[in-house]
Amino acid sequence: MGTANTMENLTGQQAVRSVRPRRIDIRRWLPVGLVLVAVVLWAASFTRPWWQIYLFAPQYPAGLVLDISLNGLGGDAREVNMLNHYIGMKGLDEAAALERQLAVYGIAMLALVTTALTFMVGRRWNWLMSVPGLLFPLAFVVDSMWWMYHFGHTLDPRAPLRVPLFTPEFLGWGKIGQFETYAMPLSGFWLSLAALAFVIAAMVLRYRVCHTCPLHDVCGATCPNHLVLGKVDPRRV
């Protein structure tokens, strides 16, 4: 009888041990999965426009549309360029030329660095996972605003039409000469923010996983277990 009970206990313990690693492995891989979703969203954002500017004037009752993407301009960019010529503004193709050339590499580096941080960073530096995804859209907005300021303040004095120096509005309503403008973010920008949300969710889940790690108290700047390779301390489950 005693032997049978002992065998049942051993069998139960073996069953628990066989189940625990499976559950913990899922918890460890879930942050990785969320980051991979973010990578897909970043890649999709590269193919979509990030910002849009509408221009309205009496001679253009339907308005003009300027789409701003990471790698170029779309919409009525040619028509807008022609209008800008009359007030002495530089061609839009001169704006952020280097940034457009490097954009695809920026997306690739963003995905690579965030994925590497997911595997490598230690518990105390877990928050670093979200930094690249936060800085990328912020850099896009700041860089775009700088170029708009630069173009509006370097008008050719020999232009046929003279207008005061100006800075086009990058969000909401504005006015340039006789044109009313309206600027707003588009799908590419929102996809980048959605990717950031997935990374933040992965960061939170990763922190909870780190709490179950047997090296929790001694974890430094880098993760000794590389997240998905570590063993779990049963006492913390």
Protein backbone atom coordinates (compact mmCIF):
# COMPACT_ATOMS: atom_id res chain seq x y z
CA MET A 1 0.00 0.00 0.00
CA GLY A 2 2.79 2.38 0.99
CA THR A 3 4.69 1.54 -2.17
CA ALA A 4 1.62 2.27 -4.30
CA ASN A 5 1.16 5.68 -2.65
CA THR A 6 4.83 6.46 -3.19
CA MET A 7 4.55 5.54 -6.86
CA GLU A 8 1.44 7.70 -7.24
CA ASN A 9 3.24 10.66 -5.62
CA LEU A 10 6.24 10.26 -7.89
CA THR A 11 4.00 10.01 -10.92
CA GLY A 12 2.17 13.18 -9.83
CA GLN A 13 5.44 15.06 -9.30
CA GLN A 14 6.70 13.97 -12.71
CA ALA A 15 3.45 15.17 -14.28
CA VAL A 16 3.80 18.57 -12.59
CA ARG A 17 7.40 18.87 -13.76
CA SER A 18 6.35 17.95 -17.31
CA VAL A 19 3.59 20.58 -17.34
CA ARG A 20 5.45 23.50 -15.71
CA PRO A 21 8.17 24.03 -18.31
CA ARG A 22 5.56 24.02 -21.07
CA ARG A 23 3.55 26.82 -19.42
CA ILE A 24 6.67 28.84 -18.64
CA ASP A 25 8.04 28.35 -22.14
CA ILE A 26 4.86 29.88 -23.55
CA ARG A 27 5.23 32.83 -21.22
CA ARG A 28 8.83 33.29 -22.32
CA TRP A 29 8.03 33.07 -26.03
CA LEU A 30 4.99 35.33 -25.87
CA PRO A 31 7.05 38.58 -25.62
CA VAL A 32 9.08 37.39 -28.61
CA GLY A 33 5.87 36.80 -30.57
CA LEU A 34 4.57 40.27 -29.74
CA VAL A 35 7.83 41.85 -30.87
CA LEU A 36 7.66 39.92 -34.15
CA VAL A 37 4.16 41.33 -34.69
CA ALA A 38 5.66 44.79 -34.12
CA VAL A 39 8.33 44.06 -36.73
CA VAL A 40 5.62 43.18 -39.27
CA LEU A 41 3.77 46.42 -38.47
CA TRP A 42 6.96 48.46 -38.92
CA ALA A 43 7.57 46.81 -42.29
CA ALA A 44 3.97 47.57 -43.30
CA SER A 45 4.36 51.20 -42.22
CA PHE A 46 7.19 51.62 -44.71
CA THR A 47 4.77 50.91 -47.56
CA ARG A 48 2.13 53.37 -46.37
CA PRO A 49 2.03 57.20 -46.22
CA TRP A 50 2.80 58.61 -42.76
CA TRP A 51 1.35 62.09 -43.08
CA GLN A 52 -1.02 64.04 -45.30
CA ILE A 53 -1.45 67.75 -45.97
CA TYR A 54 -4.55 69.16 -47.68
CA LEU A 55 -4.44 72.55 -49.40
CA PHE A 56 -7.64 74.47 -50.20
CA ALA A 57 -8.00 77.61 -52.33
CA PRO A 58 -10.73 79.19 -54.52
CA GLN A 59 -8.95 78.09 -57.71
CA TYR A 60 -8.70 74.53 -56.37
CA PRO A 61 -12.22 73.77 -55.08
CA ALA A 62 -11.43 70.04 -54.83
CA GLY A 63 -8.22 70.83 -52.97
CA LEU A 64 -4.73 69.42 -53.34
CA VAL A 65 -3.30 66.51 -51.36
CA LEU A 66 0.32 65.94 -50.39
CA ASP A 67 1.15 62.49 -49.00
CA ILE A 68 4.39 62.12 -47.04
CA SER A 69 5.94 58.65 -46.81
CA LEU A 70 9.24 57.48 -45.39
CA ASN A 71 10.68 57.05 -48.86
CA GLY A 72 9.02 59.81 -50.87
CA LEU A 73 6.07 62.07 -51.62
CA GLY A 74 2.77 61.26 -53.28
CA GLY A 75 -0.59 62.74 -54.15
CA ASP A 76 -0.46 66.11 -55.90
CA ALA A 77 3.22 66.65 -55.12
CA ARG A 78 3.99 67.86 -58.66
CA GLU A 79 1.22 70.47 -58.59
CA VAL A 80 2.24 71.64 -55.12
CA ASN A 81 5.83 71.98 -56.35
CA MET A 82 4.69 74.22 -59.18
CA LEU A 83 2.80 76.46 -56.77
CA ASN A 84 5.77 76.60 -54.40
CA HIS A 85 7.94 77.81 -57.27
CA TYR A 86 5.88 81.02 -57.53
CA ILE A 87 6.60 81.96 -53.91
CA GLY A 88 10.28 81.00 -54.12
CA MET A 89 10.14 77.78 -52.11
CA LYS A 90 12.60 74.99 -52.88
CA GLY A 91 11.42 71.84 -54.61
CA LEU A 92 9.88 69.29 -52.31
CA ASP A 93 12.20 66.61 -53.65
CA GLU A 94 15.07 68.45 -51.91
CA ALA A 95 13.48 67.93 -48.49
CA ALA A 96 14.84 65.05 -46.39
CA ALA A 97 16.62 63.49 -49.37
CA LEU A 98 19.12 61.67 -47.15
CA GLU A 99 16.42 60.56 -44.73
CA ARG A 100 14.40 59.01 -47.56
CA GLN A 101 17.43 57.08 -48.78
CA LEU A 102 18.16 55.74 -45.30
CA ALA A 103 14.54 55.04 -44.30
CA VAL A 104 14.53 51.37 -45.28
CA TYR A 105 17.74 50.81 -43.34
CA GLY A 106 16.23 52.67 -40.39
CA ILE A 107 13.24 50.31 -40.35
CA ALA A 108 15.55 47.30 -40.57
CA MET A 109 17.75 48.61 -37.76
CA LEU A 110 14.68 49.40 -35.65
CA ALA A 111 13.43 45.83 -36.01
CA LEU A 112 16.86 44.29 -35.41
CA VAL A 113 17.71 46.36 -32.32
CA THR A 114 14.29 45.83 -30.70
CA THR A 115 14.44 42.08 -31.31
CA ALA A 116 17.99 41.89 -29.96
CA LEU A 117 17.00 43.82 -26.83
CA THR A 118 14.10 41.42 -26.29
CA PHE A 119 16.55 38.53 -26.02
CA MET A 120 19.56 40.21 -24.46
CA VAL A 121 18.64 43.03 -22.10
CA GLY A 122 18.64 42.39 -18.34
CA ARG A 123 15.68 42.86 -16.01
CA ARG A 124 16.76 46.27 -14.75
CA TRP A 125 17.10 47.58 -18.31
CA ASN A 126 13.93 45.97 -19.61
CA TRP A 127 12.48 49.41 -20.44
CA LEU A 128 15.09 49.86 -23.18
CA MET A 129 12.97 47.61 -25.41
CA SER A 130 10.52 50.44 -26.03
CA VAL A 131 13.08 53.19 -26.72
CA PRO A 132 13.80 52.48 -30.43
CA GLY A 133 10.09 52.20 -31.25
CA LEU A 134 9.41 55.47 -29.45
CA LEU A 135 12.28 57.41 -30.99
CA PHE A 136 11.56 56.42 -34.60
CA PRO A 137 8.14 58.12 -35.05
CA LEU A 138 9.30 61.00 -32.87
CA ALA A 139 12.32 61.50 -35.15
CA PHE A 140 10.03 61.47 -38.19
CA VAL A 141 7.83 64.22 -36.73
CA VAL A 142 10.74 66.40 -35.56
CA ASP A 143 12.63 66.00 -38.83
CA SER A 144 9.53 66.79 -40.92
CA MET A 145 8.77 69.90 -38.85
CA TRP A 146 12.35 71.11 -39.23
CA TRP A 147 12.23 70.74 -43.02
CA MET A 148 8.93 72.60 -43.18
CA TYR A 149 10.38 75.41 -41.09
CA HIS A 150 13.52 75.48 -43.25
CA PHE A 151 11.58 75.64 -46.52
CA GLY A 152 9.27 78.35 -45.23
CA HIS A 153 12.20 80.49 -44.07
CA THR A 154 14.51 80.18 -47.10
CA LEU A 155 12.27 81.65 -49.81
CA ASP A 156 13.91 82.99 -52.94
CA PRO A 157 13.63 86.83 -52.84
CA ARG A 158 13.50 86.87 -56.66
CA ALA A 159 10.27 84.84 -56.75
CA PRO A 160 7.29 86.23 -58.74
CA LEU A 161 5.16 86.36 -55.59
CA ARG A 162 6.39 87.70 -52.28
CA VAL A 163 4.95 86.22 -49.10
CA PRO A 164 6.10 86.63 -45.50
CA LEU A 165 8.30 83.90 -44.07
CA PHE A 166 6.18 81.15 -42.58
CA THR A 167 6.15 77.69 -41.03
CA PRO A 168 3.50 75.32 -42.43
CA GLU A 169 1.35 73.68 -39.78
CA PHE A 170 2.24 70.02 -39.37
CA LEU A 171 -0.93 69.14 -37.45
CA GLY A 172 -4.37 70.66 -37.84
CA TRP A 173 -5.41 73.82 -39.67
CA GLY A 174 -3.02 76.45 -41.05
CA LYS A 175 -2.72 79.11 -43.72
CA ILE A 176 -0.12 79.73 -46.46
CA GLY A 177 -0.91 82.79 -48.55
CA GLN A 178 -4.40 82.26 -49.95
CA PHE A 179 -4.31 78.54 -49.18
CA GLU A 180 -5.96 76.97 -46.16
CA THR A 181 -4.10 73.82 -45.07
CA TYR A 182 -4.97 70.83 -42.95
CA ALA A 183 -2.36 68.27 -41.85
CA MET A 184 -2.90 64.92 -40.15
CA PRO A 185 -1.16 61.57 -39.58
CA LEU A 186 -1.99 58.64 -41.85
CA SER A 187 -1.87 54.85 -41.65
CA GLY A 188 1.94 54.53 -41.74
CA PHE A 189 2.31 56.65 -38.61
CA TRP A 190 -0.51 54.81 -36.80
CA LEU A 191 1.04 51.47 -37.74
CA SER A 192 4.30 52.58 -36.12
CA LEU A 193 2.41 53.51 -32.93
CA ALA A 194 0.60 50.16 -32.99
CA ALA A 195 3.99 48.46 -33.25
CA LEU A 196 5.16 50.46 -30.23
CA ALA A 197 2.08 49.31 -28.29
CA PHE A 198 2.96 45.66 -29.03
CA VAL A 199 6.53 46.25 -27.87
CA ILE A 200 5.32 47.83 -24.61
CA ALA A 201 3.03 44.84 -24.05
CA ALA A 202 5.98 42.53 -24.68
CA MET A 203 8.08 44.57 -22.26
CA VAL A 204 5.49 44.19 -19.50
CA LEU A 205 5.16 40.44 -20.07
CA ARG A 206 8.93 40.09 -20.19
CA TYR A 207 9.29 41.80 -16.84
CA ARG A 208 6.86 39.29 -15.33
CA VAL A 209 8.82 36.43 -16.88
CA CYS A 210 12.05 37.84 -15.45
CA HIS A 211 10.50 37.65 -11.98
CA THR A 212 10.32 33.84 -12.33
CA CYS A 213 13.95 33.53 -13.35
CA PRO A 214 16.31 31.87 -10.84
CA LEU A 215 18.82 34.65 -11.60
CA HIS A 216 16.25 37.35 -10.81
CA ASP A 217 18.26 38.90 -7.98
CA VAL A 218 21.60 38.96 -9.78
CA CYS A 219 20.49 39.84 -13.30
CA GLY A 220 22.60 42.73 -14.64
CA ALA A 221 22.62 44.75 -17.85
CA THR A 222 22.26 41.61 -19.99
CA CYS A 223 20.07 38.55 -19.56
CA PRO A 224 22.23 35.45 -18.83
CA ASN A 225 19.42 33.18 -20.05
CA HIS A 226 18.63 35.13 -23.26
CA LEU A 227 14.94 35.01 -22.26
CA VAL A 228 13.87 31.77 -23.98
CA LEU A 229 16.85 29.60 -22.98
CA GLY A 230 16.58 29.95 -19.22
CA LYS A 231 15.37 27.50 -16.60
CA VAL A 232 12.54 28.37 -14.24
CA ASP A 233 12.79 28.35 -10.46
CA PRO A 234 9.71 26.33 -9.35
CA ARG A 235 9.57 28.25 -6.06
CA ARG A 236 8.66 31.42 -7.98
CA VAL A 237 5.94 29.90 -10.15
